[in-house]
Amino acid sequence: MEELLPQVRNAFQSALNVDPLTINMETEPNDVPAWDSMGHVTLASSLEQEFGVSFDVDDLMEMENVGEICRIVRSKLAKA
């Protein structure tokens, strides 16, 4: 899943305007001030554009940290 991290970092940078190098597999919303409820929606949209996938509500609820985001994206890409 680490192979997805550079693109996930790009999504964080464009959605939440954070330094991509501050994002790692353990990063969670408490670590990123802009990652609030609205930021989560913006981030999801950015991830959808970055990877060419779509998320449903269950996916959004499971995105509790960057590792989970990578897991969800990988499963979406595997189904594509």
Protein backbone atom coordinates (compact mmCIF):
# COMPACT_ATOMS: atom_id res chain seq x y z
CA MET A 1 0.00 0.00 0.00
CA GLU A 2 2.99 2.27 0.47
CA GLU A 3 3.15 2.53 -3.34
CA LEU A 4 -0.07 4.60 -3.21
CA LEU A 5 1.31 7.06 -0.66
CA PRO A 6 2.80 9.58 -3.16
CA GLN A 7 -0.57 9.99 -4.90
CA VAL A 8 -2.40 10.14 -1.57
CA ARG A 9 0.02 12.88 -0.50
CA ASN A 10 -0.78 14.77 -3.72
CA ALA A 11 -4.49 14.56 -2.89
CA PHE A 12 -3.84 15.89 0.64
CA GLN A 13 -1.77 18.75 -0.74
CA SER A 14 -4.40 19.80 -3.25
CA ALA A 15 -7.42 19.28 -0.99
CA LEU A 16 -6.10 20.50 2.37
CA ASN A 17 -3.05 22.55 1.38
CA VAL A 18 -0.66 20.59 3.62
CA ASP A 19 2.99 19.72 3.10
CA PRO A 20 2.82 16.26 1.51
CA LEU A 21 5.92 15.16 3.42
CA THR A 22 3.97 15.47 6.68
CA ILE A 23 1.58 12.72 5.55
CA ASN A 24 2.42 9.11 6.40
CA MET A 25 0.52 5.84 6.77
CA GLU A 26 -0.39 6.64 10.40
CA THR A 27 -1.63 10.19 9.78
CA GLU A 28 -5.16 10.70 11.08
CA PRO A 29 -7.56 13.67 11.19
CA ASN A 30 -6.24 14.88 14.56
CA ASP A 31 -2.82 15.36 12.94
CA VAL A 32 -4.08 17.65 10.16
CA PRO A 33 -6.03 20.74 11.30
CA ALA A 34 -7.82 21.12 7.93
CA TRP A 35 -8.99 17.48 8.01
CA ASP A 36 -12.36 18.23 9.60
CA SER A 37 -15.74 17.08 8.30
CA MET A 38 -15.71 19.44 5.31
CA GLY A 39 -12.04 18.75 4.72
CA HIS A 40 -12.84 15.03 4.65
CA VAL A 41 -15.32 15.56 1.80
CA THR A 42 -12.84 17.74 -0.07
CA LEU A 43 -10.11 15.15 0.45
CA ALA A 44 -12.37 12.34 -0.79
CA SER A 45 -13.12 14.33 -3.95
CA SER A 46 -9.41 14.96 -4.49
CA LEU A 47 -8.66 11.25 -4.00
CA GLU A 48 -11.39 10.33 -6.49
CA GLN A 49 -9.82 12.61 -9.08
CA GLU A 50 -6.27 11.45 -8.31
CA PHE A 51 -7.09 7.75 -8.65
CA GLY A 52 -10.12 7.78 -10.97
CA VAL A 53 -12.34 5.96 -8.46
CA SER A 54 -15.60 6.70 -6.65
CA PHE A 55 -16.29 6.30 -2.95
CA ASP A 56 -19.56 5.49 -1.26
CA VAL A 57 -20.64 6.56 2.22
CA ASP A 58 -19.24 3.39 3.82
CA ASP A 59 -15.84 4.08 2.25
CA LEU A 60 -15.86 7.62 3.62
CA MET A 61 -16.72 6.39 7.11
CA GLU A 62 -13.82 3.90 7.04
CA MET A 63 -11.23 6.55 6.11
CA GLU A 64 -9.96 7.00 9.66
CA ASN A 65 -6.29 7.35 8.73
CA VAL A 66 -4.02 7.34 5.69
CA GLY A 67 -3.42 3.60 5.93
CA GLU A 68 -7.17 2.97 5.67
CA ILE A 69 -7.40 5.40 2.76
CA CYS A 70 -4.70 3.43 0.93
CA ARG A 71 -6.47 0.14 1.70
CA ILE A 72 -9.78 1.45 0.34
CA VAL A 73 -8.18 2.96 -2.77
CA ARG A 74 -6.29 -0.26 -3.47
CA SER A 75 -9.50 -2.30 -3.23
CA LYS A 76 -11.25 0.14 -5.60
CA LEU A 77 -8.39 -0.06 -8.10
CA ALA A 78 -8.43 -3.86 -7.94
CA LYS A 79 -12.12 -3.87 -8.94
CA ALA A 80 -11.59 -1.46 -11.85
